[in-house]
Amino acid sequence: MVNQEKLRRDTTVDPEDVARFDRLGAQWWDPDGPMQALHKFNPVRVAYLRELLARHFSSEGHKRDWRSAKALEGLTILDIGCGAGILSESLAQLGARVTAVDPARRNIEVARDHAVKAGLSIDYRCASAETLVAEGAIFDVVLAMEVIEHVSDVGSFLRLASAMVRPSGMLIAATLNRSLKSFAFAIVGAEYVLRWVPRGTHSWSQFVTPQELAKALRAAGLHIKDETGVIYDPIAAKWRLSHDMDVNYIMAANRPV
């Protein structure tokens, strides 16, 4: 059960959203269940992260081939708001040393169980970004994928997340743009017409524009390195990268040395 009183003390955590995702339990891993949209979305974000991170962390002494099965070997990655580990497992399979946190206890229980069955070693913790910052945790990469639109204070959350990025490290965020198009597609279309995600999963007022996200990342001392849109291709029945950032988008930033 989610400890609501503790969540209220963690300033960036939204207790209602945490409780909503906590109730999903093992349904997280059902490709035809409530998280089916995330399962379909995962391959494109993994491919993006794989190439971006392999290229960024290549050096003369350690060239990384982004096409390699272990393209992310040795990188320490923090996955904030990991849910039941759909992205975390993909990154661990690529060789990364993954720490994954989520304030919903049931999510972490399901994630740990699934990782054991998959033979993967992932450090899952029922915790918030505040907890790890207080511990002085530092990572090569900090991920905030599909989580920014669920926190109570975007600026504070990004300052916390950025504080855990080492010099020359990266923070990557994927979220939803606050536009009329996103209201039509992500709220009306995805929740009410197509029913890709449960109703009430998103609140349009919590969506963040690319300009707002970039400003917050720069204020946290990071430099914007890359940004891309992600759209659904109904003909191919899959997600792909695009110049269109009106609905879904990803932004990457690095901490200068």
Protein backbone atom coordinates (compact mmCIF):
# COMPACT_ATOMS: atom_id res chain seq x y z
CA MET A 1 0.00 0.00 0.00
CA VAL A 2 1.23 3.49 -0.84
CA ASN A 3 2.20 5.55 2.20
CA GLN A 4 0.23 8.71 1.42
CA GLU A 5 1.61 10.72 4.36
CA LYS A 6 5.20 10.07 3.28
CA LEU A 7 4.39 11.08 -0.30
CA ARG A 8 3.03 14.42 0.87
CA ARG A 9 6.41 15.15 2.41
CA ASP A 10 8.15 14.43 -0.92
CA THR A 11 7.47 17.70 -2.70
CA THR A 12 7.57 16.48 -6.32
CA VAL A 13 5.48 13.33 -5.84
CA ASP A 14 1.78 13.41 -6.74
CA PRO A 15 0.06 10.92 -4.38
CA GLU A 16 -3.02 10.50 -6.57
CA ASP A 17 -0.95 9.58 -9.62
CA VAL A 18 1.20 7.20 -7.58
CA ALA A 19 -1.89 5.43 -6.22
CA ARG A 20 -3.35 5.14 -9.73
CA PHE A 21 -0.26 3.41 -11.12
CA ASP A 22 0.22 1.34 -7.97
CA ARG A 23 -3.16 -0.30 -8.58
CA LEU A 24 -2.02 -1.70 -11.93
CA GLY A 25 0.22 -4.30 -10.29
CA ALA A 26 1.17 -7.18 -12.60
CA GLN A 27 -0.95 -5.67 -15.39
CA TRP A 28 2.09 -3.52 -16.22
CA TRP A 29 3.62 -6.48 -18.06
CA ASP A 30 0.50 -7.46 -20.02
CA PRO A 31 1.19 -6.24 -23.60
CA ASP A 32 -2.56 -6.17 -24.23
CA GLY A 33 -3.45 -4.64 -20.85
CA PRO A 34 -3.69 -1.06 -19.53
CA MET A 35 -0.02 -0.37 -20.38
CA GLN A 36 -0.20 -1.65 -23.96
CA ALA A 37 0.59 1.83 -25.32
CA LEU A 38 3.80 1.91 -23.27
CA HIS A 39 4.81 -1.52 -24.56
CA LYS A 40 4.37 -0.28 -28.13
CA PHE A 41 6.22 2.95 -27.33
CA ASN A 42 9.17 1.25 -25.63
CA PRO A 43 11.08 0.05 -28.74
CA VAL A 44 11.42 3.56 -30.19
CA ARG A 45 12.66 5.11 -26.94
CA VAL A 46 15.12 2.25 -26.36
CA ALA A 47 16.49 2.67 -29.89
CA TYR A 48 16.84 6.42 -29.36
CA LEU A 49 18.61 6.01 -26.00
CA ARG A 50 20.84 3.25 -27.33
CA GLU A 51 22.26 5.34 -30.15
CA LEU A 52 22.35 8.68 -28.29
CA LEU A 53 24.11 7.31 -25.22
CA ALA A 54 26.53 5.06 -27.08
CA ARG A 55 27.68 7.98 -29.21
CA HIS A 56 27.83 10.45 -26.31
CA PHE A 57 29.87 8.17 -24.07
CA SER A 58 32.29 7.03 -26.77
CA SER A 59 35.91 8.15 -26.45
CA GLU A 60 39.21 7.39 -28.12
CA GLY A 61 39.96 4.85 -25.41
CA HIS A 62 36.48 3.31 -25.38
CA LYS A 63 34.58 3.39 -28.63
CA ARG A 64 31.00 2.21 -28.33
CA ASP A 65 29.11 0.64 -31.21
CA TRP A 66 25.47 1.62 -30.73
CA ARG A 67 24.46 -1.44 -32.75
CA SER A 68 26.19 -3.78 -30.30
CA ALA A 69 24.11 -6.03 -28.04
CA LYS A 70 25.98 -4.44 -25.11
CA ALA A 71 26.05 -0.85 -26.40
CA LEU A 72 25.50 0.60 -22.92
CA GLU A 73 27.83 -1.71 -21.01
CA GLY A 74 29.12 -0.21 -17.77
CA LEU A 75 27.04 2.95 -17.83
CA THR A 76 25.26 3.77 -14.59
CA ILE A 77 21.67 4.76 -15.35
CA LEU A 78 18.94 5.99 -13.02
CA ASP A 79 15.37 5.41 -14.23
CA ILE A 80 13.08 7.71 -12.22
CA GLY A 81 9.44 6.67 -12.15
CA CYS A 82 10.29 3.23 -13.51
CA GLY A 83 6.86 1.69 -13.02
CA ALA A 84 7.22 -2.08 -13.23
CA GLY A 85 10.49 -1.87 -15.16
CA ILE A 86 9.57 -2.02 -18.85
CA LEU A 87 12.33 0.43 -19.83
CA SER A 88 14.73 -0.55 -17.04
CA GLU A 89 14.89 -4.16 -18.23
CA SER A 90 15.60 -3.12 -21.83
CA LEU A 91 18.53 -0.96 -20.70
CA ALA A 92 19.91 -3.67 -18.41
CA GLN A 93 19.85 -6.09 -21.34
CA LEU A 94 22.09 -3.62 -23.19
CA GLY A 95 24.68 -3.85 -20.43
CA ALA A 96 23.82 -0.79 -18.31
CA ARG A 97 23.98 -0.88 -14.51
CA VAL A 98 20.45 0.28 -13.78
CA THR A 99 19.05 1.80 -10.61
CA ALA A 100 15.30 2.21 -10.91
CA VAL A 101 13.03 4.04 -8.47
CA ASP A 102 9.30 4.47 -8.13
CA PRO A 103 7.24 5.69 -5.14
CA ALA A 104 4.57 3.03 -5.76
CA ARG A 105 5.52 -0.03 -3.70
CA ARG A 106 3.47 -2.51 -5.72
CA ASN A 107 5.21 -1.38 -8.91
CA ILE A 108 8.60 -2.13 -7.38
CA GLU A 109 7.47 -5.54 -6.12
CA VAL A 110 6.27 -6.48 -9.61
CA ALA A 111 9.44 -5.08 -11.19
CA ARG A 112 11.73 -7.06 -8.90
CA ASP A 113 9.83 -10.28 -9.49
CA HIS A 114 9.88 -9.83 -13.28
CA ALA A 115 13.61 -9.02 -13.32
CA VAL A 116 14.43 -12.17 -11.35
CA LYS A 117 12.47 -14.29 -13.82
CA ALA A 118 14.31 -12.57 -16.69
CA GLY A 119 17.69 -13.18 -15.06
CA LEU A 120 18.47 -9.46 -14.79
CA SER A 121 20.20 -7.61 -11.96
CA ILE A 122 18.50 -4.23 -11.45
CA ASP A 123 18.63 -2.16 -8.28
CA TYR A 124 14.94 -1.43 -7.74
CA ARG A 125 13.98 0.91 -4.90
CA CYS A 126 10.66 2.18 -3.62
CA ALA A 127 11.84 5.77 -3.35
CA SER A 128 11.62 9.26 -4.81
CA ALA A 129 14.20 11.52 -6.45
CA GLU A 130 14.44 13.41 -3.15
CA THR A 131 15.61 10.26 -1.38
CA LEU A 132 18.46 9.58 -3.80
CA VAL A 133 19.63 13.21 -3.81
CA ALA A 134 19.78 13.11 -0.01
CA GLU A 135 22.00 10.03 -0.30
CA GLY A 136 24.35 11.87 -2.66
CA ALA A 137 23.71 9.50 -5.56
CA ILE A 138 25.41 10.34 -8.89
CA PHE A 139 24.92 8.64 -12.27
CA ASP A 140 26.21 8.76 -15.83
CA VAL A 141 22.62 9.06 -17.04
CA VAL A 142 19.38 10.12 -15.37
CA LEU A 143 16.12 9.29 -17.13
CA ALA A 144 12.74 10.93 -16.60
CA MET A 145 10.70 9.08 -19.21
CA GLU A 146 6.95 9.68 -19.22
CA VAL A 147 7.14 10.95 -15.64
CA ILE A 148 7.38 14.76 -15.80
CA GLU A 149 3.66 15.07 -16.59
CA HIS A 150 2.92 13.19 -13.36
CA VAL A 151 4.95 15.20 -10.83
CA SER A 152 3.56 17.99 -8.67
CA ASP A 153 6.38 20.51 -9.26
CA VAL A 154 8.25 20.22 -12.57
CA GLY A 155 10.96 22.77 -11.73
CA SER A 156 11.81 21.20 -8.39
CA PHE A 157 11.76 17.71 -9.86
CA LEU A 158 14.17 18.64 -12.65
CA ARG A 159 16.53 20.35 -10.21
CA LEU A 160 16.62 17.16 -8.17
CA ALA A 161 17.09 14.93 -11.21
CA SER A 162 19.80 17.19 -12.63
CA ALA A 163 21.70 17.17 -9.33
CA MET A 164 22.33 13.45 -9.84
CA VAL A 165 23.96 13.86 -13.28
CA ARG A 166 27.76 13.69 -13.15
CA PRO A 167 29.93 16.14 -15.14
CA SER A 168 29.70 15.17 -18.86
CA GLY A 169 26.72 12.98 -17.95
CA MET A 170 23.23 13.23 -19.43
CA LEU A 171 19.61 13.72 -18.45
CA ILE A 172 16.95 12.56 -20.91
CA ALA A 173 13.27 13.33 -20.50
CA ALA A 174 10.29 12.14 -22.51
CA THR A 175 6.97 13.86 -21.95
CA LEU A 176 3.86 15.38 -23.54
CA ASN A 177 3.59 18.85 -25.02
CA ARG A 178 0.79 21.09 -23.75
CA SER A 179 -0.89 21.89 -27.05
CA LEU A 180 -4.35 21.64 -28.55
CA LYS A 181 -3.06 18.74 -30.64
CA SER A 182 -1.92 16.87 -27.53
CA PHE A 183 -5.32 17.39 -25.91
CA ALA A 184 -6.98 15.91 -28.98
CA PHE A 185 -4.60 12.97 -29.36
CA ALA A 186 -3.28 12.17 -25.87
CA ILE A 187 -6.45 12.86 -23.87
CA VAL A 188 -9.49 12.50 -26.12
CA GLY A 189 -7.99 10.04 -28.60
CA ALA A 190 -5.78 7.84 -26.41
CA GLU A 191 -7.99 7.73 -23.31
CA TYR A 192 -11.57 8.02 -24.58
CA VAL A 193 -11.66 6.91 -28.23
CA LEU A 194 -8.87 4.36 -28.71
CA ARG A 195 -8.63 3.50 -24.99
CA TRP A 196 -4.88 2.96 -25.23
CA VAL A 197 -4.50 4.02 -21.60
CA PRO A 198 -7.01 4.15 -18.72
CA ARG A 199 -9.13 7.28 -18.45
CA GLY A 200 -7.65 9.81 -16.08
CA THR A 201 -4.05 8.70 -16.73
CA HIS A 202 -3.11 12.20 -17.85
CA SER A 203 -4.05 15.74 -16.94
CA TRP A 204 -3.54 18.16 -19.85
CA SER A 205 -2.73 21.01 -17.46
CA GLN A 206 0.34 19.05 -16.30
CA PHE A 207 1.77 18.69 -19.80
CA VAL A 208 4.99 20.64 -20.42
CA THR A 209 5.97 22.53 -23.56
CA PRO A 210 9.46 21.99 -25.05
CA GLN A 211 10.25 25.63 -24.29
CA GLU A 212 9.33 25.19 -20.61
CA LEU A 213 11.33 21.98 -20.33
CA ALA A 214 14.41 23.46 -21.99
CA LYS A 215 14.25 26.52 -19.73
CA ALA A 216 14.03 24.33 -16.61
CA LEU A 217 16.94 22.14 -17.72
CA ARG A 218 19.13 25.17 -18.43
CA ALA A 219 18.21 26.63 -15.04
CA ALA A 220 19.46 23.37 -13.52
CA GLY A 221 22.86 23.87 -15.16
CA LEU A 222 22.45 21.58 -18.15
CA HIS A 223 22.96 22.20 -21.87
CA ILE A 224 20.38 20.99 -24.39
CA LYS A 225 22.01 18.41 -26.65
CA ASP A 226 19.13 16.96 -28.66
CA GLU A 227 15.37 16.96 -29.04
CA THR A 228 12.98 14.97 -31.16
CA GLY A 229 9.30 14.29 -31.54
CA VAL A 230 7.73 10.84 -31.43
CA ILE A 231 4.61 10.06 -33.44
CA TYR A 232 2.43 7.02 -34.04
CA ASP A 233 2.45 5.69 -37.60
CA PRO A 234 -0.97 4.05 -38.14
CA ILE A 235 0.11 2.44 -41.42
CA ALA A 236 3.12 0.68 -39.90
CA ALA A 237 1.26 0.35 -36.56
CA LYS A 238 4.27 1.52 -34.58
CA TRP A 239 5.88 4.62 -33.08
CA ARG A 240 8.73 6.45 -34.79
CA LEU A 241 10.90 9.54 -34.32
CA SER A 242 9.75 12.71 -36.06
CA HIS A 243 10.35 16.45 -36.30
CA ASP A 244 6.78 16.85 -35.00
CA MET A 245 7.00 17.65 -31.27
CA ASP A 246 3.36 18.76 -30.90
CA VAL A 247 2.35 15.73 -28.81
CA ASN A 248 5.10 13.36 -27.62
CA TYR A 249 8.73 14.45 -27.51
CA ILE A 250 12.11 13.59 -26.01
CA MET A 251 14.76 16.09 -24.88
CA ALA A 252 18.36 15.28 -23.95
CA ALA A 253 20.72 17.54 -22.00
CA ASN A 254 24.25 17.14 -20.69
CA ARG A 255 26.18 18.60 -17.75
CA PRO A 256 29.32 20.46 -18.88
CA VAL A 257 32.63 19.24 -17.49
